[in-house]
Amino acid sequence: MLWDLIIFKKIRSVLGGDIRFMLCGGAPLSADSQRFINICMGAPIGQGYGLIETFAGAAFSEADDTAVGRVGPPLPCCYIKAVAA
């Protein structure tokens, strides 16, 4: 609580002050990085996977999913096939 009042509140105010959800795409976040951003921003950060740069996402974290270290379920419009190498 003390760190939130001293430091993290100022960071959130620079970004508008009312962050509800953040999404990261392009490279997977480690569980430690995702947890750190959750603490600093006071909002969950989700991950996306599947050519996010071209808006062809395949899987996204849901807004109410607080787990770290995974990208979430496939979108209903995508077929995902697991192949053993």
C-alpha atoms as a PDB file:
ATOM      1  CA  MET A   1       0.000   0.000   0.000  1.00  0.00           C
ATOM      2  CA  LEU A   2       2.801   2.432   0.844  1.00  0.00           C
ATOM      3  CA  TRP A   3       4.621   1.829  -2.457  1.00  0.00           C
ATOM      4  CA  ASP A   4       1.335   2.219  -4.276  1.00  0.00           C
ATOM      5  CA  LEU A   5       0.777   5.677  -2.761  1.00  0.00           C
ATOM      6  CA  ILE A   6       4.369   6.840  -3.227  1.00  0.00           C
ATOM      7  CA  ILE A   7       5.359   5.506  -6.646  1.00  0.00           C
ATOM      8  CA  PHE A   8       2.808   3.446  -8.564  1.00  0.00           C
ATOM      9  CA  LYS A   9      -0.023   5.987  -8.314  1.00  0.00           C
ATOM     10  CA  LYS A  10       2.181   8.532 -10.111  1.00  0.00           C
ATOM     11  CA  ILE A  11       2.967   6.051 -12.889  1.00  0.00           C
ATOM     12  CA  ARG A  12      -0.734   5.286 -13.396  1.00  0.00           C
ATOM     13  CA  SER A  13      -1.633   8.989 -13.423  1.00  0.00           C
ATOM     14  CA  VAL A  14       0.834   9.623 -16.272  1.00  0.00           C
ATOM     15  CA  LEU A  15      -1.018   6.942 -18.270  1.00  0.00           C
ATOM     16  CA  GLY A  16      -4.448   8.440 -17.558  1.00  0.00           C
ATOM     17  CA  GLY A  17      -5.088   7.062 -14.083  1.00  0.00           C
ATOM     18  CA  ASP A  18      -7.849   4.594 -14.946  1.00  0.00           C
ATOM     19  CA  ILE A  19      -6.171   1.521 -16.423  1.00  0.00           C
ATOM     20  CA  ARG A  20      -8.506  -1.472 -16.372  1.00  0.00           C
ATOM     21  CA  PHE A  21      -6.676  -3.985 -18.591  1.00  0.00           C
ATOM     22  CA  MET A  22      -3.465  -4.078 -20.599  1.00  0.00           C
ATOM     23  CA  LEU A  23      -2.613  -6.396 -23.481  1.00  0.00           C
ATOM     24  CA  CYS A  24       0.846  -7.406 -24.660  1.00  0.00           C
ATOM     25  CA  GLY A  25       1.496  -9.002 -28.019  1.00  0.00           C
ATOM     26  CA  GLY A  26       4.581  -9.594 -30.082  1.00  0.00           C
ATOM     27  CA  ALA A  27       6.673 -11.626 -27.664  1.00  0.00           C
ATOM     28  CA  PRO A  28       5.706 -13.780 -24.697  1.00  0.00           C
ATOM     29  CA  LEU A  29       6.182 -12.236 -21.265  1.00  0.00           C
ATOM     30  CA  SER A  30       7.817 -14.227 -18.540  1.00  0.00           C
ATOM     31  CA  ALA A  31       5.655 -14.892 -15.499  1.00  0.00           C
ATOM     32  CA  ASP A  32       7.878 -12.619 -13.397  1.00  0.00           C
ATOM     33  CA  SER A  33       7.579  -9.706 -15.843  1.00  0.00           C
ATOM     34  CA  GLN A  34       3.827 -10.113 -16.093  1.00  0.00           C
ATOM     35  CA  ARG A  35       3.437 -10.192 -12.299  1.00  0.00           C
ATOM     36  CA  PHE A  36       5.669  -7.074 -11.930  1.00  0.00           C
ATOM     37  CA  ILE A  37       3.574  -5.111 -14.436  1.00  0.00           C
ATOM     38  CA  ASN A  38       0.379  -6.228 -12.654  1.00  0.00           C
ATOM     39  CA  ILE A  39       1.738  -4.785  -9.406  1.00  0.00           C
ATOM     40  CA  CYS A  40       3.075  -1.542 -10.908  1.00  0.00           C
ATOM     41  CA  MET A  41       0.006  -0.689 -12.956  1.00  0.00           C
ATOM     42  CA  GLY A  42      -2.618  -2.037 -10.590  1.00  0.00           C
ATOM     43  CA  ALA A  43      -4.326  -3.745 -13.517  1.00  0.00           C
ATOM     44  CA  PRO A  44      -4.040  -7.174 -15.096  1.00  0.00           C
ATOM     45  CA  ILE A  45      -1.909  -7.520 -18.204  1.00  0.00           C
ATOM     46  CA  GLY A  46      -2.948 -10.174 -20.669  1.00  0.00           C
ATOM     47  CA  GLN A  47      -1.011 -11.748 -23.470  1.00  0.00           C
ATOM     48  CA  GLY A  48      -1.894 -12.373 -27.071  1.00  0.00           C
ATOM     49  CA  TYR A  49      -0.403 -14.814 -29.555  1.00  0.00           C
ATOM     50  CA  GLY A  50      -0.558 -15.343 -33.300  1.00  0.00           C
ATOM     51  CA  LEU A  51       0.715 -12.568 -35.607  1.00  0.00           C
ATOM     52  CA  ILE A  52      -0.555  -9.756 -33.406  1.00  0.00           C
ATOM     53  CA  GLU A  53       1.279  -7.266 -35.624  1.00  0.00           C
ATOM     54  CA  THR A  54      -1.101  -7.993 -38.498  1.00  0.00           C
ATOM     55  CA  PHE A  55      -4.287  -8.289 -36.398  1.00  0.00           C
ATOM     56  CA  ALA A  56      -4.466 -12.021 -36.967  1.00  0.00           C
ATOM     57  CA  GLY A  57      -4.561 -13.056 -33.342  1.00  0.00           C
ATOM     58  CA  ALA A  58      -5.090 -16.704 -32.460  1.00  0.00           C
ATOM     59  CA  ALA A  59      -5.253 -16.630 -28.652  1.00  0.00           C
ATOM     60  CA  PHE A  60      -5.807 -13.853 -26.098  1.00  0.00           C
ATOM     61  CA  SER A  61      -5.979 -13.715 -22.332  1.00  0.00           C
ATOM     62  CA  GLU A  62      -9.433 -12.942 -21.032  1.00  0.00           C
ATOM     63  CA  ALA A  63      -9.965  -9.779 -18.969  1.00  0.00           C
ATOM     64  CA  ASP A  64     -10.908 -11.692 -15.813  1.00  0.00           C
ATOM     65  CA  ASP A  65      -8.037 -14.206 -16.078  1.00  0.00           C
ATOM     66  CA  THR A  66      -5.460 -13.362 -13.397  1.00  0.00           C
ATOM     67  CA  ALA A  67      -3.076 -16.244 -14.169  1.00  0.00           C
ATOM     68  CA  VAL A  68       0.437 -15.362 -15.324  1.00  0.00           C
ATOM     69  CA  GLY A  69       2.733 -17.105 -17.791  1.00  0.00           C
ATOM     70  CA  ARG A  70       0.175 -18.157 -20.424  1.00  0.00           C
ATOM     71  CA  VAL A  71      -1.552 -16.555 -23.379  1.00  0.00           C
ATOM     72  CA  GLY A  72      -5.101 -17.757 -22.840  1.00  0.00           C
ATOM     73  CA  PRO A  73      -7.573 -19.773 -24.889  1.00  0.00           C
ATOM     74  CA  PRO A  74      -7.909 -19.732 -28.684  1.00  0.00           C
ATOM     75  CA  LEU A  75     -10.347 -17.274 -30.191  1.00  0.00           C
ATOM     76  CA  PRO A  76     -13.607 -18.760 -31.513  1.00  0.00           C
ATOM     77  CA  CYS A  77     -12.656 -17.833 -35.090  1.00  0.00           C
ATOM     78  CA  CYS A  78      -9.368 -19.804 -35.043  1.00  0.00           C
ATOM     79  CA  TYR A  79      -8.408 -23.413 -35.463  1.00  0.00           C
ATOM     80  CA  ILE A  80      -5.231 -24.390 -33.636  1.00  0.00           C
ATOM     81  CA  LYS A  81      -3.417 -27.620 -34.384  1.00  0.00           C
ATOM     82  CA  ALA A  82      -0.743 -29.017 -32.076  1.00  0.00           C
ATOM     83  CA  VAL A  83       1.996 -30.896 -33.922  1.00  0.00           C
ATOM     84  CA  ALA A  84       4.776 -32.866 -32.254  1.00  0.00           C
ATOM     85  CA  ALA A  85       8.199 -32.001 -33.584  1.00  0.00           C
END
